[in-house]
Amino acid sequence: MQTIEITLPESVRIDIQGIKDQIQELKKDLETKKTPKYYTRKQLADLFDVNISTIHNWRKNGVVKSVGIGSRVYFTQEAVDAALVNLNN
């Protein structure tokens, strides 16, 4: 069996390496962009071991921001994290 060796020009090798680097960056971006986590009032109350009325008060007083779908109320992970940061300041 005969082996054939092909030598690519330097510019092609540089282009290939650039493409590989871009693919790695895209992979990192996709790994960090996950589907947002949504909590119900009950889930948030369970998470912090408080009553649902406390969650209602937090929402009413602007401690934690909420989003809604129809009559449903949800809290994003980002909103929960932001509330925790505000409480620590």
Protein backbone atom coordinates (compact mmCIF):
# COMPACT_ATOMS: atom_id res chain seq x y z
CA MET A 1 0.00 0.00 0.00
CA GLN A 2 1.36 3.38 -1.00
CA THR A 3 0.97 6.50 1.18
CA ILE A 4 0.59 9.89 -0.45
CA GLU A 5 1.64 12.95 1.51
CA ILE A 6 0.08 16.31 0.71
CA THR A 7 1.60 19.55 1.91
CA LEU A 8 -0.83 22.42 2.24
CA PRO A 9 0.27 25.99 1.68
CA GLU A 10 0.83 28.01 4.87
CA SER A 11 -2.14 30.31 4.12
CA VAL A 12 -4.49 27.31 3.95
CA ARG A 13 -3.16 25.93 7.25
CA ILE A 14 -3.68 29.34 8.87
CA ASP A 15 -7.26 29.47 7.51
CA ILE A 16 -7.98 25.98 8.84
CA GLN A 17 -6.65 26.91 12.27
CA GLY A 18 -8.79 30.07 12.26
CA ILE A 19 -11.87 28.01 11.44
CA LYS A 20 -11.06 25.56 14.25
CA ASP A 21 -10.68 28.46 16.69
CA GLN A 22 -14.03 29.93 15.63
CA ILE A 23 -15.73 26.56 16.08
CA GLN A 24 -14.32 26.30 19.61
CA GLU A 25 -15.61 29.79 20.44
CA LEU A 26 -19.06 28.89 19.12
CA LYS A 27 -19.07 25.73 21.24
CA LYS A 28 -18.25 27.77 24.35
CA ASP A 29 -21.00 30.28 23.54
CA LEU A 30 -23.56 27.51 23.07
CA GLU A 31 -22.58 25.85 26.32
CA THR A 32 -23.08 29.07 28.28
CA LYS A 33 -26.41 29.93 26.61
CA LYS A 34 -28.80 27.56 28.29
CA THR A 35 -32.55 27.63 28.38
CA PRO A 36 -33.62 30.01 31.13
CA LYS A 37 -34.89 28.41 34.33
CA TYR A 38 -38.34 29.54 35.45
CA TYR A 39 -39.67 29.09 38.97
CA THR A 40 -43.30 29.17 40.08
CA ARG A 41 -44.22 30.96 43.31
CA LYS A 42 -44.39 27.62 45.09
CA GLN A 43 -41.00 26.47 43.78
CA LEU A 44 -39.42 29.76 44.83
CA ALA A 45 -41.03 29.54 48.27
CA ASP A 46 -39.70 25.99 48.66
CA LEU A 47 -36.25 27.06 47.47
CA PHE A 48 -36.00 29.76 50.14
CA ASP A 49 -38.06 27.92 52.75
CA VAL A 50 -40.59 30.76 53.06
CA ASN A 51 -44.35 31.03 52.70
CA ILE A 52 -45.91 31.80 49.32
CA SER A 53 -47.22 35.06 50.82
CA THR A 54 -43.59 36.12 51.33
CA ILE A 55 -42.93 35.55 47.64
CA HIS A 56 -46.03 37.62 46.85
CA ASN A 57 -44.73 40.43 49.08
CA TRP A 58 -41.26 40.27 47.52
CA ARG A 59 -42.83 40.54 44.08
CA LYS A 60 -45.21 43.35 45.13
CA ASN A 61 -42.36 45.34 46.74
CA GLY A 62 -40.03 44.87 43.77
CA VAL A 63 -37.54 42.66 45.61
CA VAL A 64 -37.74 40.05 42.87
CA LYS A 65 -38.97 40.70 39.34
CA SER A 66 -41.49 38.35 37.77
CA VAL A 67 -42.71 37.45 34.32
CA GLY A 68 -46.09 36.13 33.39
CA ILE A 69 -47.86 33.95 30.91
CA GLY A 70 -51.58 34.50 31.05
CA SER A 71 -52.51 34.51 34.73
CA ARG A 72 -49.41 32.52 35.69
CA VAL A 73 -46.48 34.18 37.48
CA TYR A 74 -42.91 32.96 37.01
CA PHE A 75 -39.50 34.04 38.21
CA THR A 76 -36.36 33.66 36.12
CA GLN A 77 -33.09 32.45 37.59
CA GLU A 78 -31.57 35.81 36.63
CA ALA A 79 -34.25 37.69 38.60
CA VAL A 80 -33.65 35.48 41.64
CA ASP A 81 -29.90 36.01 41.38
CA ALA A 82 -30.39 39.78 41.03
CA ALA A 83 -32.56 39.82 44.16
CA LEU A 84 -29.88 37.94 46.08
CA VAL A 85 -27.24 40.41 44.95
CA ASN A 86 -29.45 43.32 46.04
CA LEU A 87 -30.01 41.79 49.47
CA ASN A 88 -26.28 41.36 49.98
CA ASN A 89 -25.45 45.00 49.19
